[in-house]
Amino acid sequence: MRAILFVVLIHLFFGGNLHAQERLTGIRQERVNQDSSALFDSSQSSDTLRIEQQDNYGGMGMIIDSFYRLNYSYPESIKDLLAFIDYYDFPEVFNGLISNLHKNRNDIEINKAGNHLIITAGKEVIYDEEMRSPCDELSYDLPFYLQNILIFDKNGVSIDSEKRVNEFKKEIKQVKLHFDNVVKKDGSDVFVLVSYTLSDGLTPICSIDYKISDYKYFDLIDDFLSVFVSKNKISKMIFTTPIFIKEPAKSNK
């Protein structure tokens, strides 16, 4: 599972939006090799990417941001966080942090206060940052949310499955062939972030001015997803899409 995580971490270092980069706590980038593919090569010298040795929890910001980017949410407990870390097999540069998280797991608490995520180890605050929301970011980071298709396995874990993502894209493409235009607002295409589960069907994640049940496009997506998630033992999917329509596009203001 390191492949998808590697892409996320590279995005945080080089291609992430400013909002994400500002929260990379505990990391010092003393010298970054221009060849990003070697960023986490264990043969690199320690000054290429070094987590502060004096900070027992250095690198927490990158792990939390990785969790968000692969879930669009935050861990509810240290158990959730460690399960995520263990599943995705983080690079060796995070070994010190991960070891301390496991060692002190009984003393670590994760709390949400307002729009902040606060993680404490005993009396020490080891992470305190504003939580992100896809609904806040969709307007200015649309490319990320369009390309990022989240698939959760039967245990609710966000998984890396290029095969299933490609199959999903292929099916979506076939659905789109039935339509001629997309809904527009103020001259721009309207995009919606939706989740799908067998129990709830398609559900908008963000507040929108449109009722998706009014659109045949979403009916067809619902039909193929009911088969797709059952066949692949998927508990949930999250993706972003325009609203496709048959009639000429109308601009809602």
Foldseek 3Di string as FASTA:
>chain_A
DQVVVLVLLVCLVPPDDPVLVVQQFQWDQQAADPPSVCQLPPPDDCNRTARDPVQQQRRVSSLQSSVCLQPVDGDQALVRSLVLCVVNVDGPNCVSNNVVCVVQRVQWGWDDDPQWIWIARNPRTPDIDGHDGCQVCCVPPVVSQAVDKFWAALVRHTDDDPPLVVVLVVQLVVLLVQFDAFEAAPRHFDKFKWKAFLVPGTDTPDDDPDDLVVAVSSVSSSVVVNVSCVVRRTGMMIGMDTRTHHDPYDYDD
